[in-house]
Amino acid sequence: MKKNLRLVAKNIRSNITFDKRTKKLFNNNFYTCFDDILSDDNITIVGIYYPILNEISPLDFVKYFQKNQIMIALPVVNLDTQTMLFTKWDTKEKLKKGILGNLEPTSIKNIVMPEILIVPMLLFDRQLYRLGYGGGYYDKAICKLKKKFDKEGKKFISIGLAYSEQEIISIPYEIHDERLDFIITEKEIISKLD
């Protein structure tokens, strides 16, 4: 079922674009969401992704994070352990093509644990479940980061970026699938708190 959904979702997403007005609406929602989060929490590190296949780009917000003195980290996938690590990223640093086709840092020396993780998606629903590419890397990373920060008595926040057209009534989820805390689209900010 998920396999077929992924094929349909990739096709749908590949045909979506933001015009200038819609991009401005998305950006406003992004800033509103992050301004609220940053006003309440002492966030020092954000994990973002390098966009592929018509994903919404979190790279547009790098200056915002830098202005707020938040370190940026990119994921590095380890196929042997089936895990995703996050490494500090200087935007001037060269990137290499990763195992899954995404760009990632060439070195994994500076491993960090982001308090906020921004994730891509193929589809989402109102319950804040997302459909990814099927590797489970983000679900495992979210679970690991939640546990780590929970032990320390700190908050961890996961945020999905999506086009509103990627919404469906219900994502078929399994026990290991993690719900996001927020999903930002050009139309709204969906939150677990709603």
C-alpha atoms as a PDB file:
ATOM      1  CA  MET A   1       0.000   0.000   0.000  1.00  0.00           C
ATOM      2  CA  LYS A   2       2.692   2.522   0.998  1.00  0.00           C
ATOM      3  CA  LYS A   3       4.760   1.591  -2.050  1.00  0.00           C
ATOM      4  CA  ASN A   4       1.916   2.541  -4.416  1.00  0.00           C
ATOM      5  CA  LEU A   5       1.226   5.708  -2.433  1.00  0.00           C
ATOM      6  CA  ARG A   6       4.874   6.721  -2.785  1.00  0.00           C
ATOM      7  CA  LEU A   7       4.745   6.382  -6.566  1.00  0.00           C
ATOM      8  CA  VAL A   8       1.595   8.491  -6.802  1.00  0.00           C
ATOM      9  CA  ALA A   9       2.939  11.025  -4.299  1.00  0.00           C
ATOM     10  CA  LYS A  10       6.248  11.482  -6.148  1.00  0.00           C
ATOM     11  CA  ASN A  11       4.331  12.176  -9.325  1.00  0.00           C
ATOM     12  CA  ILE A  12       1.998  14.667  -7.615  1.00  0.00           C
ATOM     13  CA  ARG A  13       4.855  16.502  -5.904  1.00  0.00           C
ATOM     14  CA  SER A  14       6.937  16.702  -9.067  1.00  0.00           C
ATOM     15  CA  ASN A  15       4.200  18.830 -10.666  1.00  0.00           C
ATOM     16  CA  ILE A  16       3.729  21.301  -7.794  1.00  0.00           C
ATOM     17  CA  THR A  17       5.356  24.716  -7.817  1.00  0.00           C
ATOM     18  CA  PHE A  18       5.074  27.861  -5.760  1.00  0.00           C
ATOM     19  CA  ASP A  19       4.462  31.114  -7.560  1.00  0.00           C
ATOM     20  CA  LYS A  20       5.908  34.271  -5.977  1.00  0.00           C
ATOM     21  CA  ARG A  21       2.806  34.990  -3.873  1.00  0.00           C
ATOM     22  CA  THR A  22       2.456  31.400  -2.634  1.00  0.00           C
ATOM     23  CA  LYS A  23       6.154  31.205  -1.745  1.00  0.00           C
ATOM     24  CA  LYS A  24       5.745  34.386   0.300  1.00  0.00           C
ATOM     25  CA  LEU A  25       2.797  32.804   2.162  1.00  0.00           C
ATOM     26  CA  PHE A  26       4.869  29.686   2.875  1.00  0.00           C
ATOM     27  CA  ASN A  27       7.812  31.774   4.103  1.00  0.00           C
ATOM     28  CA  ASN A  28       5.521  33.791   6.394  1.00  0.00           C
ATOM     29  CA  ASN A  29       4.154  30.578   7.925  1.00  0.00           C
ATOM     30  CA  PHE A  30       7.697  29.259   8.380  1.00  0.00           C
ATOM     31  CA  TYR A  31       8.845  32.423  10.156  1.00  0.00           C
ATOM     32  CA  THR A  32       5.703  32.542  12.316  1.00  0.00           C
ATOM     33  CA  CYS A  33       6.201  28.931  13.420  1.00  0.00           C
ATOM     34  CA  PHE A  34       9.900  29.371  14.142  1.00  0.00           C
ATOM     35  CA  ASP A  35       9.519  32.738  15.857  1.00  0.00           C
ATOM     36  CA  ASP A  36       7.028  31.087  18.250  1.00  0.00           C
ATOM     37  CA  ILE A  37       9.306  28.106  18.892  1.00  0.00           C
ATOM     38  CA  LEU A  38      12.423  30.217  19.389  1.00  0.00           C
ATOM     39  CA  SER A  39      10.670  32.570  21.794  1.00  0.00           C
ATOM     40  CA  ASP A  40       9.911  29.645  24.135  1.00  0.00           C
ATOM     41  CA  ASP A  41      12.926  27.385  23.788  1.00  0.00           C
ATOM     42  CA  ASN A  42      16.685  27.723  23.900  1.00  0.00           C
ATOM     43  CA  ILE A  43      17.432  26.174  20.508  1.00  0.00           C
ATOM     44  CA  THR A  44      21.074  25.944  19.470  1.00  0.00           C
ATOM     45  CA  ILE A  45      21.058  23.372  16.629  1.00  0.00           C
ATOM     46  CA  VAL A  46      18.624  22.713  13.779  1.00  0.00           C
ATOM     47  CA  GLY A  47      18.855  19.719  11.465  1.00  0.00           C
ATOM     48  CA  ILE A  48      17.767  20.418   7.904  1.00  0.00           C
ATOM     49  CA  TYR A  49      17.835  18.419   4.674  1.00  0.00           C
ATOM     50  CA  TYR A  50      19.355  19.235   1.312  1.00  0.00           C
ATOM     51  CA  PRO A  51      16.340  19.165  -1.042  1.00  0.00           C
ATOM     52  CA  ILE A  52      15.950  16.695  -3.910  1.00  0.00           C
ATOM     53  CA  LEU A  53      13.100  15.788  -6.250  1.00  0.00           C
ATOM     54  CA  ASN A  54      11.080  19.016  -5.867  1.00  0.00           C
ATOM     55  CA  GLU A  55      11.106  18.983  -2.061  1.00  0.00           C
ATOM     56  CA  ILE A  56      10.500  22.333  -0.399  1.00  0.00           C
ATOM     57  CA  SER A  57      13.897  23.808   0.342  1.00  0.00           C
ATOM     58  CA  PRO A  58      14.873  24.611   3.919  1.00  0.00           C
ATOM     59  CA  LEU A  59      18.003  26.231   2.445  1.00  0.00           C
ATOM     60  CA  ASP A  60      15.913  29.372   1.942  1.00  0.00           C
ATOM     61  CA  PHE A  61      15.979  29.829   5.720  1.00  0.00           C
ATOM     62  CA  VAL A  62      19.702  29.414   6.382  1.00  0.00           C
ATOM     63  CA  LYS A  63      20.155  33.179   6.911  1.00  0.00           C
ATOM     64  CA  TYR A  64      17.279  33.168   9.400  1.00  0.00           C
ATOM     65  CA  PHE A  65      19.008  30.445  11.450  1.00  0.00           C
ATOM     66  CA  GLN A  66      22.369  32.209  11.242  1.00  0.00           C
ATOM     67  CA  LYS A  67      20.784  35.509  12.345  1.00  0.00           C
ATOM     68  CA  ASN A  68      19.336  33.676  15.365  1.00  0.00           C
ATOM     69  CA  GLN A  69      22.736  32.075  16.089  1.00  0.00           C
ATOM     70  CA  ILE A  70      21.473  28.551  15.476  1.00  0.00           C
ATOM     71  CA  MET A  71      23.946  25.973  14.206  1.00  0.00           C
ATOM     72  CA  ILE A  72      22.845  24.105  11.072  1.00  0.00           C
ATOM     73  CA  ALA A  73      23.338  20.368  10.659  1.00  0.00           C
ATOM     74  CA  LEU A  74      22.811  18.108   7.657  1.00  0.00           C
ATOM     75  CA  PRO A  75      22.056  14.382   7.755  1.00  0.00           C
ATOM     76  CA  VAL A  76      24.553  11.720   6.775  1.00  0.00           C
ATOM     77  CA  VAL A  77      23.112   8.260   6.119  1.00  0.00           C
ATOM     78  CA  ASN A  78      24.976   5.144   7.233  1.00  0.00           C
ATOM     79  CA  LEU A  79      23.635   2.160   5.282  1.00  0.00           C
ATOM     80  CA  ASP A  80      25.543  -0.359   7.423  1.00  0.00           C
ATOM     81  CA  THR A  81      23.772   0.686  10.616  1.00  0.00           C
ATOM     82  CA  GLN A  82      20.605   1.906   8.842  1.00  0.00           C
ATOM     83  CA  THR A  83      20.882   5.176  10.751  1.00  0.00           C
ATOM     84  CA  MET A  84      21.087   8.889  10.097  1.00  0.00           C
ATOM     85  CA  LEU A  85      23.646  11.066  11.873  1.00  0.00           C
ATOM     86  CA  PHE A  86      23.739  14.855  11.849  1.00  0.00           C
ATOM     87  CA  THR A  87      26.896  16.785  11.243  1.00  0.00           C
ATOM     88  CA  LYS A  88      27.560  20.487  11.669  1.00  0.00           C
ATOM     89  CA  TRP A  89      27.383  22.236   8.302  1.00  0.00           C
ATOM     90  CA  ASP A  90      29.127  25.386   7.248  1.00  0.00           C
ATOM     91  CA  THR A  91      27.266  26.611   4.167  1.00  0.00           C
ATOM     92  CA  LYS A  92      30.603  27.243   2.410  1.00  0.00           C
ATOM     93  CA  GLU A  93      31.572  23.606   2.861  1.00  0.00           C
ATOM     94  CA  LYS A  94      31.506  21.373  -0.197  1.00  0.00           C
ATOM     95  CA  LEU A  95      29.009  18.540  -0.197  1.00  0.00           C
ATOM     96  CA  LYS A  96      29.087  15.099  -1.786  1.00  0.00           C
ATOM     97  CA  LYS A  97      26.325  12.927  -3.176  1.00  0.00           C
ATOM     98  CA  GLY A  98      25.154  10.563  -0.468  1.00  0.00           C
ATOM     99  CA  ILE A  99      24.119   6.941  -0.729  1.00  0.00           C
ATOM    100  CA  LEU A 100      20.440   7.867  -1.122  1.00  0.00           C
ATOM    101  CA  GLY A 101      21.075  10.557  -3.743  1.00  0.00           C
ATOM    102  CA  ASN A 102      20.974  13.520  -1.370  1.00  0.00           C
ATOM    103  CA  LEU A 103      23.875  15.911  -0.817  1.00  0.00           C
ATOM    104  CA  GLU A 104      25.647  15.522   2.494  1.00  0.00           C
ATOM    105  CA  PRO A 105      28.825  16.786   4.205  1.00  0.00           C
ATOM    106  CA  THR A 106      32.061  15.121   3.151  1.00  0.00           C
ATOM    107  CA  SER A 107      33.184  14.676   6.750  1.00  0.00           C
ATOM    108  CA  ILE A 108      31.374  13.242   9.749  1.00  0.00           C
ATOM    109  CA  LYS A 109      33.783  14.704  12.314  1.00  0.00           C
ATOM    110  CA  ASN A 110      31.371  17.181  13.864  1.00  0.00           C
ATOM    111  CA  ILE A 111      28.417  15.008  14.915  1.00  0.00           C
ATOM    112  CA  VAL A 112      25.696  17.000  16.690  1.00  0.00           C
ATOM    113  CA  MET A 113      22.226  16.385  18.093  1.00  0.00           C
ATOM    114  CA  PRO A 114      19.698  18.925  16.762  1.00  0.00           C
ATOM    115  CA  GLU A 115      16.898  20.103  19.051  1.00  0.00           C
ATOM    116  CA  ILE A 116      14.792  20.804  15.954  1.00  0.00           C
ATOM    117  CA  LEU A 117      14.660  18.487  12.973  1.00  0.00           C
ATOM    118  CA  ILE A 118      13.157  19.692   9.699  1.00  0.00           C
ATOM    119  CA  VAL A 119      12.044  16.788   7.517  1.00  0.00           C
ATOM    120  CA  PRO A 120      10.889  16.348   3.916  1.00  0.00           C
ATOM    121  CA  MET A 121       7.881  14.279   2.919  1.00  0.00           C
ATOM    122  CA  LEU A 122       5.862  12.844   0.081  1.00  0.00           C
ATOM    123  CA  LEU A 123       2.458  13.033   1.813  1.00  0.00           C
ATOM    124  CA  PHE A 124       1.005  14.008   5.181  1.00  0.00           C
ATOM    125  CA  ASP A 125      -2.267  13.882   7.100  1.00  0.00           C
ATOM    126  CA  ARG A 126      -3.981  15.951   9.828  1.00  0.00           C
ATOM    127  CA  GLN A 127      -2.696  13.597  12.518  1.00  0.00           C
ATOM    128  CA  LEU A 128       0.834  14.801  11.583  1.00  0.00           C
ATOM    129  CA  TYR A 129       1.965  11.514  10.100  1.00  0.00           C
ATOM    130  CA  ARG A 130       4.179  11.748   7.038  1.00  0.00           C
ATOM    131  CA  LEU A 131       4.983   9.401   4.210  1.00  0.00           C
ATOM    132  CA  GLY A 132       8.683   9.382   3.386  1.00  0.00           C
ATOM    133  CA  TYR A 133      10.758   7.383   0.952  1.00  0.00           C
ATOM    134  CA  GLY A 134      10.508   4.141   2.913  1.00  0.00           C
ATOM    135  CA  GLY A 135      13.936   3.822   4.544  1.00  0.00           C
ATOM    136  CA  GLY A 136      12.705   4.812   7.994  1.00  0.00           C
ATOM    137  CA  TYR A 137      15.775   6.985   8.574  1.00  0.00           C
ATOM    138  CA  TYR A 138      13.871  10.048   9.742  1.00  0.00           C
ATOM    139  CA  ASP A 139      11.549   8.003  11.976  1.00  0.00           C
ATOM    140  CA  LYS A 140      14.566   6.397  13.662  1.00  0.00           C
ATOM    141  CA  ALA A 141      16.325   9.757  14.022  1.00  0.00           C
ATOM    142  CA  ILE A 142      13.228  11.417  15.512  1.00  0.00           C
ATOM    143  CA  CYS A 143      12.767   8.544  17.975  1.00  0.00           C
ATOM    144  CA  LYS A 144      16.439   8.664  19.035  1.00  0.00           C
ATOM    145  CA  LEU A 145      16.478  12.459  19.430  1.00  0.00           C
ATOM    146  CA  LYS A 146      13.185  12.454  21.386  1.00  0.00           C
ATOM    147  CA  LYS A 147      14.581   9.884  23.830  1.00  0.00           C
ATOM    148  CA  LYS A 148      17.884  11.743  24.227  1.00  0.00           C
ATOM    149  CA  PHE A 149      16.313  15.127  24.943  1.00  0.00           C
ATOM    150  CA  ASP A 150      13.551  13.612  27.069  1.00  0.00           C
ATOM    151  CA  LYS A 151      16.207  12.075  29.363  1.00  0.00           C
ATOM    152  CA  GLU A 152      17.796  15.520  29.674  1.00  0.00           C
ATOM    153  CA  GLY A 153      14.438  17.147  30.416  1.00  0.00           C
ATOM    154  CA  LYS A 154      14.610  19.155  27.194  1.00  0.00           C
ATOM    155  CA  LYS A 155      12.185  19.523  24.340  1.00  0.00           C
ATOM    156  CA  PHE A 156      12.773  18.078  20.864  1.00  0.00           C
ATOM    157  CA  ILE A 157      10.715  19.348  17.929  1.00  0.00           C
ATOM    158  CA  SER A 158      10.136  17.774  14.511  1.00  0.00           C
ATOM    159  CA  ILE A 159       8.813  19.896  11.660  1.00  0.00           C
ATOM    160  CA  GLY A 160       7.723  18.833   8.193  1.00  0.00           C
ATOM    161  CA  LEU A 161       7.721  21.122   5.167  1.00  0.00           C
ATOM    162  CA  ALA A 162       5.085  20.387   2.529  1.00  0.00           C
ATOM    163  CA  TYR A 163       2.913  21.755  -0.227  1.00  0.00           C
ATOM    164  CA  SER A 164      -0.752  21.792   0.813  1.00  0.00           C
ATOM    165  CA  GLU A 165      -1.530  19.492  -2.147  1.00  0.00           C
ATOM    166  CA  GLN A 166       0.474  16.751  -0.430  1.00  0.00           C
ATOM    167  CA  GLU A 167      -2.206  16.320   2.227  1.00  0.00           C
ATOM    168  CA  ILE A 168      -4.341  13.168   2.213  1.00  0.00           C
ATOM    169  CA  ILE A 169      -7.058  12.004   4.610  1.00  0.00           C
ATOM    170  CA  SER A 170      -4.968   9.345   6.333  1.00  0.00           C
ATOM    171  CA  ILE A 171      -1.423   8.001   6.070  1.00  0.00           C
ATOM    172  CA  PRO A 172      -1.251   4.262   6.694  1.00  0.00           C
ATOM    173  CA  TYR A 173       1.136   4.202   9.641  1.00  0.00           C
ATOM    174  CA  GLU A 174       2.938   1.510  11.568  1.00  0.00           C
ATOM    175  CA  ILE A 175       4.069   1.403  15.182  1.00  0.00           C
ATOM    176  CA  HIS A 176       7.556   2.737  14.359  1.00  0.00           C
ATOM    177  CA  ASP A 177       6.229   5.736  12.379  1.00  0.00           C
ATOM    178  CA  GLU A 178       6.737   8.983  14.275  1.00  0.00           C
ATOM    179  CA  ARG A 179       4.218  11.821  14.321  1.00  0.00           C
ATOM    180  CA  LEU A 180       5.629  15.265  13.654  1.00  0.00           C
ATOM    181  CA  ASP A 181       5.114  18.208  15.986  1.00  0.00           C
ATOM    182  CA  PHE A 182       4.380  20.669  13.175  1.00  0.00           C
ATOM    183  CA  ILE A 183       3.756  20.651   9.441  1.00  0.00           C
ATOM    184  CA  ILE A 184       4.197  23.924   7.597  1.00  0.00           C
ATOM    185  CA  THR A 185       2.482  24.530   4.254  1.00  0.00           C
ATOM    186  CA  GLU A 186       1.733  27.672   2.279  1.00  0.00           C
ATOM    187  CA  LYS A 187      -1.815  27.620   3.684  1.00  0.00           C
ATOM    188  CA  GLU A 188      -1.292  26.867   7.372  1.00  0.00           C
ATOM    189  CA  ILE A 189       0.749  25.589  10.254  1.00  0.00           C
ATOM    190  CA  ILE A 190      -0.589  22.277  11.549  1.00  0.00           C
ATOM    191  CA  SER A 191       0.420  21.554  15.140  1.00  0.00           C
ATOM    192  CA  LYS A 192       0.069  18.725  17.648  1.00  0.00           C
ATOM    193  CA  LEU A 193      -1.225  21.397  19.995  1.00  0.00           C
ATOM    194  CA  ASP A 194      -4.280  22.124  17.793  1.00  0.00           C
END
